[in-house]
Amino acid sequence: MTDKFKIRFECVKAPKPFVGLNGYEQGSVYQGRKYNGMYEISVKWGNGEQTKLIERKLFNEFFQEIDVNEDNKDKRNMSLCV
């Protein structure tokens, strides 16, 4: 069963400490979920740490979504080259 809300995203601009999104580094890729126009994100997704729920405007200021299907497609193509 896949999580249709699951996303991967890249940090394109490191958030300032006063924004409340500590730990994100520019150029790094993270996992999260997107639903109802909100983004649920965490520096270490799935390890029990508290997640943050942020609005699209704030998300777009610091992050960019990576197409999960494109990422899987790249992995499949790479496995064919081996």
C-alpha atoms as a PDB file:
ATOM      1  CA  MET A   1       0.000   0.000   0.000  1.00  0.00           C
ATOM      2  CA  THR A   2       1.409   3.362  -0.996  1.00  0.00           C
ATOM      3  CA  ASP A   3       0.883   6.648   0.763  1.00  0.00           C
ATOM      4  CA  LYS A   4      -0.694   8.932  -1.835  1.00  0.00           C
ATOM      5  CA  PHE A   5       0.163  11.970   0.290  1.00  0.00           C
ATOM      6  CA  LYS A   6       3.883  11.166   0.551  1.00  0.00           C
ATOM      7  CA  ILE A   7       6.289  13.699  -0.944  1.00  0.00           C
ATOM      8  CA  ARG A   8      10.020  14.201  -1.275  1.00  0.00           C
ATOM      9  CA  PHE A   9      11.328  17.721  -1.202  1.00  0.00           C
ATOM     10  CA  GLU A  10      14.608  19.590  -1.441  1.00  0.00           C
ATOM     11  CA  CYS A  11      15.621  22.511   0.734  1.00  0.00           C
ATOM     12  CA  VAL A  12      16.402  25.326  -1.724  1.00  0.00           C
ATOM     13  CA  LYS A  13      17.043  27.974   0.937  1.00  0.00           C
ATOM     14  CA  ALA A  14      17.979  27.241   4.556  1.00  0.00           C
ATOM     15  CA  PRO A  15      15.337  28.676   6.917  1.00  0.00           C
ATOM     16  CA  LYS A  16      16.490  31.270   9.449  1.00  0.00           C
ATOM     17  CA  PRO A  17      16.303  30.113  13.099  1.00  0.00           C
ATOM     18  CA  PHE A  18      13.449  32.510  13.952  1.00  0.00           C
ATOM     19  CA  VAL A  19      11.187  30.809  11.370  1.00  0.00           C
ATOM     20  CA  GLY A  20      11.014  27.674  13.531  1.00  0.00           C
ATOM     21  CA  LEU A  21      12.196  25.234  10.867  1.00  0.00           C
ATOM     22  CA  ASN A  22      15.546  24.280  12.370  1.00  0.00           C
ATOM     23  CA  GLY A  23      17.791  21.556  10.985  1.00  0.00           C
ATOM     24  CA  TYR A  24      17.044  21.879   7.265  1.00  0.00           C
ATOM     25  CA  GLU A  25      20.130  22.297   5.072  1.00  0.00           C
ATOM     26  CA  GLN A  26      20.183  23.773   1.602  1.00  0.00           C
ATOM     27  CA  GLY A  27      20.568  21.076  -1.061  1.00  0.00           C
ATOM     28  CA  SER A  28      19.391  18.230   1.190  1.00  0.00           C
ATOM     29  CA  VAL A  29      16.365  16.065   0.354  1.00  0.00           C
ATOM     30  CA  TYR A  30      13.668  15.193   2.895  1.00  0.00           C
ATOM     31  CA  GLN A  31      10.374  13.281   3.102  1.00  0.00           C
ATOM     32  CA  GLY A  32       6.987  14.460   4.234  1.00  0.00           C
ATOM     33  CA  ARG A  33       3.292  14.508   3.394  1.00  0.00           C
ATOM     34  CA  LYS A  34       1.038  16.970   1.608  1.00  0.00           C
ATOM     35  CA  TYR A  35      -2.720  17.213   2.009  1.00  0.00           C
ATOM     36  CA  ASN A  36      -5.425  19.894   2.090  1.00  0.00           C
ATOM     37  CA  GLY A  37      -2.918  22.532   0.976  1.00  0.00           C
ATOM     38  CA  MET A  38      -0.716  21.887   4.013  1.00  0.00           C
ATOM     39  CA  TYR A  39       2.700  20.265   4.293  1.00  0.00           C
ATOM     40  CA  GLU A  40       3.687  17.949   7.139  1.00  0.00           C
ATOM     41  CA  ILE A  41       7.471  17.943   7.311  1.00  0.00           C
ATOM     42  CA  SER A  42      10.267  16.696   9.532  1.00  0.00           C
ATOM     43  CA  VAL A  43      14.061  16.755   9.296  1.00  0.00           C
ATOM     44  CA  LYS A  44      14.104  13.008  10.076  1.00  0.00           C
ATOM     45  CA  TRP A  45      10.841  11.568   8.799  1.00  0.00           C
ATOM     46  CA  GLY A  46       9.623   8.368  10.438  1.00  0.00           C
ATOM     47  CA  ASN A  47      11.859   8.296  13.502  1.00  0.00           C
ATOM     48  CA  GLY A  48       9.247   9.459  15.986  1.00  0.00           C
ATOM     49  CA  GLU A  49      10.300  13.116  16.090  1.00  0.00           C
ATOM     50  CA  GLN A  50       7.522  15.677  16.069  1.00  0.00           C
ATOM     51  CA  THR A  51       6.516  16.901  12.618  1.00  0.00           C
ATOM     52  CA  LYS A  52       5.590  20.447  11.637  1.00  0.00           C
ATOM     53  CA  LEU A  53       2.474  21.339   9.693  1.00  0.00           C
ATOM     54  CA  ILE A  54       3.075  24.399   7.525  1.00  0.00           C
ATOM     55  CA  GLU A  55       1.155  26.292   4.843  1.00  0.00           C
ATOM     56  CA  ARG A  56       2.049  26.125   1.155  1.00  0.00           C
ATOM     57  CA  LYS A  57       3.365  29.720   1.112  1.00  0.00           C
ATOM     58  CA  LEU A  58       5.954  28.994   3.819  1.00  0.00           C
ATOM     59  CA  PHE A  59       6.852  25.645   2.229  1.00  0.00           C
ATOM     60  CA  ASN A  60       7.461  27.292  -1.162  1.00  0.00           C
ATOM     61  CA  GLU A  61       9.751  29.878   0.418  1.00  0.00           C
ATOM     62  CA  PHE A  62      12.292  27.256   1.522  1.00  0.00           C
ATOM     63  CA  PHE A  63      11.514  23.974  -0.253  1.00  0.00           C
ATOM     64  CA  GLN A  64      10.765  22.468  -3.652  1.00  0.00           C
ATOM     65  CA  GLU A  65       8.875  19.235  -4.229  1.00  0.00           C
ATOM     66  CA  ILE A  66      10.603  16.411  -6.055  1.00  0.00           C
ATOM     67  CA  ASP A  67       8.336  14.224  -8.155  1.00  0.00           C
ATOM     68  CA  VAL A  68       8.308  10.851  -6.347  1.00  0.00           C
ATOM     69  CA  ASN A  69       7.389   9.061  -9.578  1.00  0.00           C
ATOM     70  CA  GLU A  70      10.345  10.649 -11.405  1.00  0.00           C
ATOM     71  CA  ASP A  71      12.670   9.558  -8.612  1.00  0.00           C
ATOM     72  CA  ASN A  72      11.414   5.969  -8.837  1.00  0.00           C
ATOM     73  CA  LYS A  73      11.659   6.102 -12.628  1.00  0.00           C
ATOM     74  CA  ASP A  74      15.313   7.169 -12.367  1.00  0.00           C
ATOM     75  CA  LYS A  75      16.028   4.251 -10.003  1.00  0.00           C
ATOM     76  CA  ARG A  76      14.388   1.802 -12.439  1.00  0.00           C
ATOM     77  CA  ASN A  77      16.400   3.202 -15.357  1.00  0.00           C
ATOM     78  CA  MET A  78      19.634   2.928 -13.368  1.00  0.00           C
ATOM     79  CA  SER A  79      18.918  -0.694 -12.500  1.00  0.00           C
ATOM     80  CA  LEU A  80      18.561  -1.460 -16.217  1.00  0.00           C
ATOM     81  CA  CYS A  81      22.070  -0.106 -16.850  1.00  0.00           C
ATOM     82  CA  VAL A  82      23.729  -2.504 -14.412  1.00  0.00           C
END
